[in-house]
Every structure is written in structure tokens, then in C-alpha cells.
Amino acid sequence: MSTPEPGGEPDPGAFLAETFLAEVDWILARTPDLTPLDAGVLAALHRGLASDTRSFAKLFGVAHALVLRTVADLADGLGLVTLEARDLRTQRTRLALTEAGRQLVPEALGSH
């Protein structure tokens, strides 16, 4: 966690970022077939940081097309997320963890 200025409080945003990155690293260490972006999407869904592809892309500074490709792999290839809705104009895709995703992520994020 980031060190506060003397007499100051820790930055909760920095703590959240550090915690999120640690969770992504934890998932990757235990599930080596996932990419860092795969693990980031799973952790973000689990933590409620982003529920759709556009929000995730904007929040994490990743191209939306790359997020869409990653989500397709997580949904079709690995069965860890489900596509709940898609806006045809913007391609914004709403996501949720599948049962397999919920079983994987809480195990990864809840026990460290």
C-alpha cells in the first residue's frame, strides 16, 4: 500500500489499485492459461469495478476491441463469463461471471 504523507491518511485509490493488481497476479499464478487481461476482466467483474466492456476499457485504458476479443475468449473458449447484452451500435457488451467463473474467482481472490 502506498505510504501516506507524514500525518496524512493512505490513499484509498492507490490501495484499491494495488489490491486489484495483486489479485490479478494471484489469479495468473494459479491459472497460467489465462492472460493478464483475462485475469483483469475476471477480477473486475468479481469486484464490481466494471460490468461491461466499454467501462472496463475506459477504466483500465485498454482498447475496446481488445477487451471484446478477450471477453469472447473468456465466454466461448473458457466458459468463465457470459454475455448478457450487446448494444449493436457501440458494441458495449454487458458481462457476468458464469458458475465456472464464480467458482474460480472467489477461490483465487478469497483465500489470500
N, C-alpha and C. Protein backbone atom coordinates (compact mmCIF):
# COMPACT_ATOMS: atom_id res chain seq x y z
N MET A 1 0.85 -1.17 0.00
CA MET A 1 0.00 0.00 0.00
C MET A 1 0.89 1.23 0.00
N SER A 2 0.46 2.28 -0.62
CA SER A 2 1.26 3.48 -0.70
C SER A 2 1.40 4.11 0.68
N THR A 3 2.56 4.69 0.90
CA THR A 3 2.85 5.30 2.19
C THR A 3 2.23 6.69 2.24
N PRO A 4 1.49 6.99 3.30
CA PRO A 4 0.89 8.32 3.40
C PRO A 4 1.94 9.37 3.72
N GLU A 5 1.63 10.60 3.40
CA GLU A 5 2.47 11.72 3.82
C GLU A 5 2.46 11.76 5.34
N PRO A 6 3.52 12.30 5.95
CA PRO A 6 3.52 12.40 7.42
C PRO A 6 2.24 13.09 7.91
N GLY A 7 1.54 12.45 8.81
CA GLY A 7 0.31 12.98 9.36
C GLY A 7 -0.89 12.79 8.46
N GLY A 8 -0.71 12.18 7.30
CA GLY A 8 -1.80 12.00 6.34
C GLY A 8 -2.36 10.59 6.37
N GLU A 9 -3.43 10.41 5.64
CA GLU A 9 -4.09 9.11 5.52
C GLU A 9 -3.62 8.41 4.25
N PRO A 10 -3.64 7.08 4.22
CA PRO A 10 -3.33 6.37 2.98
C PRO A 10 -4.34 6.72 1.89
N ASP A 11 -3.90 6.71 0.66
CA ASP A 11 -4.77 7.00 -0.49
C ASP A 11 -5.58 5.75 -0.80
N PRO A 12 -6.92 5.78 -0.61
CA PRO A 12 -7.74 4.59 -0.87
C PRO A 12 -7.70 4.17 -2.33
N GLY A 13 -7.55 5.13 -3.25
CA GLY A 13 -7.45 4.78 -4.67
C GLY A 13 -6.20 3.99 -4.97
N ALA A 14 -5.09 4.39 -4.35
CA ALA A 14 -3.84 3.65 -4.54
C ALA A 14 -3.95 2.26 -3.93
N PHE A 15 -4.61 2.17 -2.78
CA PHE A 15 -4.80 0.86 -2.15
C PHE A 15 -5.63 -0.04 -3.05
N LEU A 16 -6.72 0.49 -3.62
CA LEU A 16 -7.58 -0.30 -4.50
C LEU A 16 -6.79 -0.78 -5.71
N ALA A 17 -6.00 0.10 -6.31
CA ALA A 17 -5.20 -0.28 -7.48
C ALA A 17 -4.20 -1.36 -7.12
N GLU A 18 -3.51 -1.20 -6.01
CA GLU A 18 -2.52 -2.19 -5.58
C GLU A 18 -3.20 -3.52 -5.28
N THR A 19 -4.35 -3.48 -4.62
CA THR A 19 -5.09 -4.69 -4.30
C THR A 19 -5.57 -5.38 -5.57
N PHE A 20 -6.10 -4.61 -6.51
CA PHE A 20 -6.57 -5.18 -7.77
C PHE A 20 -5.43 -5.86 -8.51
N LEU A 21 -4.28 -5.18 -8.61
CA LEU A 21 -3.14 -5.76 -9.32
C LEU A 21 -2.62 -7.01 -8.61
N ALA A 22 -2.64 -7.01 -7.29
CA ALA A 22 -2.23 -8.21 -6.55
C ALA A 22 -3.19 -9.36 -6.83
N GLU A 23 -4.48 -9.07 -6.92
CA GLU A 23 -5.46 -10.11 -7.22
C GLU A 23 -5.27 -10.66 -8.62
N VAL A 24 -4.99 -9.78 -9.58
CA VAL A 24 -4.73 -10.24 -10.95
C VAL A 24 -3.50 -11.14 -10.96
N ASP A 25 -2.43 -10.73 -10.29
CA ASP A 25 -1.23 -11.56 -10.21
C ASP A 25 -1.52 -12.91 -9.56
N TRP A 26 -2.34 -12.90 -8.53
CA TRP A 26 -2.70 -14.13 -7.82
C TRP A 26 -3.44 -15.09 -8.75
N ILE A 27 -4.40 -14.56 -9.51
CA ILE A 27 -5.15 -15.38 -10.46
C ILE A 27 -4.20 -15.97 -11.50
N LEU A 28 -3.31 -15.14 -12.04
CA LEU A 28 -2.38 -15.60 -13.07
C LEU A 28 -1.43 -16.68 -12.55
N ALA A 29 -0.99 -16.54 -11.31
CA ALA A 29 -0.07 -17.53 -10.74
C ALA A 29 -0.74 -18.89 -10.60
N ARG A 30 -2.03 -18.90 -10.39
CA ARG A 30 -2.76 -20.15 -10.17
C ARG A 30 -3.50 -20.66 -11.40
N THR A 31 -3.62 -19.82 -12.41
CA THR A 31 -4.32 -20.20 -13.64
C THR A 31 -3.47 -19.74 -14.82
N PRO A 32 -2.37 -20.45 -15.09
CA PRO A 32 -1.41 -19.96 -16.08
C PRO A 32 -1.92 -19.91 -17.52
N ASP A 33 -3.05 -20.54 -17.82
CA ASP A 33 -3.58 -20.48 -19.18
C ASP A 33 -4.30 -19.16 -19.47
N LEU A 34 -4.50 -18.33 -18.45
CA LEU A 34 -5.14 -17.02 -18.65
C LEU A 34 -4.09 -15.96 -18.97
N THR A 35 -4.51 -14.94 -19.71
CA THR A 35 -3.65 -13.78 -19.97
C THR A 35 -3.87 -12.76 -18.84
N PRO A 36 -2.97 -11.78 -18.70
CA PRO A 36 -3.21 -10.73 -17.71
C PRO A 36 -4.54 -10.00 -17.93
N LEU A 37 -4.90 -9.78 -19.19
CA LEU A 37 -6.18 -9.11 -19.46
C LEU A 37 -7.35 -10.01 -19.07
N ASP A 38 -7.25 -11.32 -19.34
CA ASP A 38 -8.28 -12.26 -18.89
C ASP A 38 -8.49 -12.14 -17.38
N ALA A 39 -7.38 -12.21 -16.66
CA ALA A 39 -7.45 -12.15 -15.20
C ALA A 39 -8.00 -10.81 -14.72
N GLY A 40 -7.64 -9.73 -15.41
CA GLY A 40 -8.15 -8.41 -15.05
C GLY A 40 -9.65 -8.30 -15.23
N VAL A 41 -10.17 -8.86 -16.32
CA VAL A 41 -11.62 -8.83 -16.55
C VAL A 41 -12.32 -9.64 -15.46
N LEU A 42 -11.80 -10.81 -15.14
CA LEU A 42 -12.43 -11.64 -14.11
C LEU A 42 -12.43 -10.94 -12.75
N ALA A 43 -11.30 -10.36 -12.38
CA ALA A 43 -11.21 -9.67 -11.09
C ALA A 43 -12.13 -8.45 -11.06
N ALA A 44 -12.19 -7.71 -12.16
CA ALA A 44 -13.06 -6.52 -12.22
C ALA A 44 -14.52 -6.91 -12.10
N LEU A 45 -14.92 -7.98 -12.77
CA LEU A 45 -16.31 -8.44 -12.65
C LEU A 45 -16.61 -8.88 -11.23
N HIS A 46 -15.70 -9.63 -10.65
CA HIS A 46 -15.91 -10.14 -9.29
C HIS A 46 -16.01 -9.00 -8.28
N ARG A 47 -15.20 -7.97 -8.45
CA ARG A 47 -15.17 -6.84 -7.51
C ARG A 47 -16.19 -5.76 -7.85
N GLY A 48 -16.90 -5.91 -8.97
CA GLY A 48 -17.89 -4.91 -9.35
C GLY A 48 -17.29 -3.62 -9.87
N LEU A 49 -16.06 -3.68 -10.37
CA LEU A 49 -15.40 -2.48 -10.89
C LEU A 49 -15.90 -2.09 -12.27
N ALA A 50 -16.30 -3.07 -13.06
CA ALA A 50 -16.83 -2.82 -14.41
C ALA A 50 -17.72 -3.99 -14.78
N SER A 51 -18.90 -3.70 -15.31
CA SER A 51 -19.83 -4.77 -15.68
C SER A 51 -20.03 -4.86 -17.18
N ASP A 52 -19.32 -4.01 -17.93
CA ASP A 52 -19.43 -4.09 -19.38
C ASP A 52 -18.07 -3.75 -20.01
N THR A 53 -17.94 -4.09 -21.28
CA THR A 53 -16.66 -3.96 -21.96
C THR A 53 -16.21 -2.51 -22.13
N ARG A 54 -17.10 -1.60 -22.41
CA ARG A 54 -16.71 -0.19 -22.57
C ARG A 54 -16.21 0.39 -21.25
N SER A 55 -16.91 0.10 -20.17
CA SER A 55 -16.48 0.60 -18.86
C SER A 55 -15.11 0.05 -18.49
N PHE A 56 -14.90 -1.24 -18.74
CA PHE A 56 -13.60 -1.84 -18.44
C PHE A 56 -12.51 -1.18 -19.27
N ALA A 57 -12.75 -1.03 -20.58
CA ALA A 57 -11.76 -0.42 -21.48
C ALA A 57 -11.41 0.99 -21.02
N LYS A 58 -12.40 1.77 -20.67
CA LYS A 58 -12.17 3.15 -20.24
C LYS A 58 -11.44 3.19 -18.89
N LEU A 59 -11.89 2.40 -17.94
CA LEU A 59 -11.31 2.39 -16.60
C LEU A 59 -9.84 1.99 -16.62
N PHE A 60 -9.50 1.00 -17.46
CA PHE A 60 -8.15 0.46 -17.45
C PHE A 60 -7.29 0.91 -18.63
N GLY A 61 -7.83 1.79 -19.48
CA GLY A 61 -7.05 2.34 -20.58
C GLY A 61 -6.65 1.30 -21.62
N VAL A 62 -7.56 0.39 -21.92
CA VAL A 62 -7.32 -0.68 -22.89
C VAL A 62 -8.26 -0.46 -24.07
N ALA A 63 -7.80 -0.74 -25.27
CA ALA A 63 -8.65 -0.60 -26.45
C ALA A 63 -9.89 -1.49 -26.32
N HIS A 64 -11.04 -0.92 -26.65
CA HIS A 64 -12.30 -1.66 -26.53
C HIS A 64 -12.27 -2.93 -27.38
N ALA A 65 -11.69 -2.86 -28.57
CA ALA A 65 -11.61 -4.04 -29.45
C ALA A 65 -10.84 -5.17 -28.77
N LEU A 66 -9.79 -4.84 -28.04
CA LEU A 66 -9.01 -5.85 -27.34
C LEU A 66 -9.82 -6.48 -26.21
N VAL A 67 -10.57 -5.65 -25.50
CA VAL A 67 -11.44 -6.17 -24.44
C VAL A 67 -12.50 -7.09 -25.03
N LEU A 68 -13.09 -6.70 -26.16
CA LEU A 68 -14.10 -7.55 -26.80
C LEU A 68 -13.52 -8.91 -27.19
N ARG A 69 -12.30 -8.90 -27.73
CA ARG A 69 -11.64 -10.16 -28.12
C ARG A 69 -11.37 -11.03 -26.89
N THR A 70 -10.91 -10.41 -25.83
CA THR A 70 -10.64 -11.13 -24.58
C THR A 70 -11.91 -11.74 -24.01
N VAL A 71 -12.98 -10.96 -24.01
CA VAL A 71 -14.26 -11.43 -23.48
C VAL A 71 -14.79 -12.59 -24.32
N ALA A 72 -14.59 -12.53 -25.63
CA ALA A 72 -15.01 -13.64 -26.49
C ALA A 72 -14.28 -14.92 -26.09
N ASP A 73 -12.98 -14.82 -25.81
CA ASP A 73 -12.22 -15.99 -25.37
C ASP A 73 -12.71 -16.49 -24.02
N LEU A 74 -12.96 -15.56 -23.10
CA LEU A 74 -13.44 -15.95 -21.76
C LEU A 74 -14.82 -16.60 -21.83
N ALA A 75 -15.65 -16.14 -22.76
CA ALA A 75 -17.01 -16.67 -22.89
C ALA A 75 -17.03 -17.96 -23.70
N ASP A 76 -16.53 -17.89 -24.92
CA ASP A 76 -16.64 -19.03 -25.83
C ASP A 76 -15.58 -20.10 -25.57
N GLY A 77 -14.35 -19.68 -25.35
CA GLY A 77 -13.27 -20.63 -25.19
C GLY A 77 -13.17 -21.25 -23.81
N LEU A 78 -13.40 -20.44 -22.78
CA LEU A 78 -13.18 -20.91 -21.41
C LEU A 78 -14.45 -21.04 -20.59
N GLY A 79 -15.54 -20.43 -21.03
CA GLY A 79 -16.80 -20.53 -20.31
C GLY A 79 -16.79 -19.87 -18.94
N LEU A 80 -15.98 -18.81 -18.78
CA LEU A 80 -15.87 -18.15 -17.48
C LEU A 80 -16.76 -16.92 -17.34
N VAL A 81 -17.18 -16.34 -18.47
CA VAL A 81 -18.12 -15.22 -18.44
C VAL A 81 -19.24 -15.48 -19.43
N THR A 82 -20.34 -14.80 -19.21
CA THR A 82 -21.46 -14.87 -20.14
C THR A 82 -21.76 -13.46 -20.64
N LEU A 83 -22.14 -13.37 -21.90
CA LEU A 83 -22.50 -12.09 -22.50
C LEU A 83 -23.99 -11.89 -22.28
N GLU A 84 -24.36 -10.91 -21.47
CA GLU A 84 -25.76 -10.71 -21.11
C GLU A 84 -26.51 -9.83 -22.10
N ALA A 85 -25.84 -8.86 -22.68
CA ALA A 85 -26.49 -7.95 -23.64
C ALA A 85 -25.41 -7.24 -24.43
N ARG A 86 -25.76 -6.88 -25.67
CA ARG A 86 -24.81 -6.13 -26.50
C ARG A 86 -25.55 -5.04 -27.25
N ASP A 87 -25.00 -3.83 -27.19
CA ASP A 87 -25.51 -2.70 -27.96
C ASP A 87 -24.87 -2.80 -29.35
N LEU A 88 -25.67 -3.02 -30.37
CA LEU A 88 -25.13 -3.22 -31.71
C LEU A 88 -24.41 -1.99 -32.25
N ARG A 89 -24.85 -0.81 -31.84
CA ARG A 89 -24.22 0.42 -32.34
C ARG A 89 -22.84 0.63 -31.72
N THR A 90 -22.73 0.51 -30.40
CA THR A 90 -21.47 0.80 -29.71
C THR A 90 -20.64 -0.45 -29.42
N GLN A 91 -21.23 -1.61 -29.55
CA GLN A 91 -20.60 -2.89 -29.21
C GLN A 91 -20.37 -3.05 -27.70
N ARG A 92 -20.94 -2.13 -26.90
CA ARG A 92 -20.84 -2.29 -25.44
C ARG A 92 -21.52 -3.61 -25.09
N THR A 93 -20.79 -4.46 -24.38
CA THR A 93 -21.29 -5.78 -24.04
C THR A 93 -21.35 -5.92 -22.53
N ARG A 94 -22.51 -6.22 -22.00
CA ARG A 94 -22.68 -6.44 -20.56
C ARG A 94 -22.29 -7.87 -20.24
N LEU A 95 -21.58 -8.02 -19.14
CA LEU A 95 -20.98 -9.30 -18.79
C LEU A 95 -21.39 -9.76 -17.40
N ALA A 96 -21.26 -11.05 -17.18
CA ALA A 96 -21.42 -11.63 -15.84
C ALA A 96 -20.53 -12.86 -15.77
N LEU A 97 -20.09 -13.17 -14.58
CA LEU A 97 -19.35 -14.41 -14.38
C LEU A 97 -20.30 -15.59 -14.50
N THR A 98 -19.86 -16.66 -15.14
CA THR A 98 -20.64 -17.90 -15.17
C THR A 98 -20.41 -18.62 -13.84
N GLU A 99 -21.07 -19.72 -13.66
CA GLU A 99 -20.84 -20.53 -12.46
C GLU A 99 -19.37 -20.93 -12.37
N ALA A 100 -18.78 -21.34 -13.50
CA ALA A 100 -17.36 -21.71 -13.52
C ALA A 100 -16.49 -20.51 -13.14
N GLY A 101 -16.84 -19.33 -13.65
CA GLY A 101 -16.09 -18.12 -13.30
C GLY A 101 -16.23 -17.76 -11.84
N ARG A 102 -17.44 -17.89 -11.31
CA ARG A 102 -17.67 -17.60 -9.87
C ARG A 102 -16.90 -18.59 -9.00
N GLN A 103 -16.80 -19.83 -9.43
CA GLN A 103 -16.06 -20.82 -8.64
C GLN A 103 -14.57 -20.55 -8.69
N LEU A 104 -14.08 -20.13 -9.85
CA LEU A 104 -12.65 -19.85 -10.00
C LEU A 104 -12.24 -18.60 -9.24
N VAL A 105 -12.96 -17.51 -9.46
CA VAL A 105 -12.51 -16.22 -8.93
C VAL A 105 -12.59 -16.13 -7.41
N PRO A 106 -13.70 -16.52 -6.77
CA PRO A 106 -13.69 -16.44 -5.30
C PRO A 106 -12.61 -17.31 -4.69
N GLU A 107 -12.34 -18.46 -5.31
CA GLU A 107 -11.26 -19.31 -4.80
C GLU A 107 -9.94 -18.56 -4.88
N ALA A 108 -9.72 -17.90 -6.01
CA ALA A 108 -8.47 -17.17 -6.21
C ALA A 108 -8.40 -15.93 -5.33
N LEU A 109 -9.49 -15.16 -5.25
CA LEU A 109 -9.45 -13.88 -4.57
C LEU A 109 -9.80 -13.95 -3.10
N GLY A 110 -10.49 -14.99 -2.70
CA GLY A 110 -10.96 -15.03 -1.33
C GLY A 110 -10.05 -15.69 -0.33
N SER A 111 -8.99 -16.34 -0.80
CA SER A 111 -8.22 -17.13 0.14
C SER A 111 -6.80 -16.64 0.34
N HIS A 112 -6.52 -15.41 -0.04
CA HIS A 112 -5.16 -14.92 0.21
C HIS A 112 -5.16 -13.76 1.15
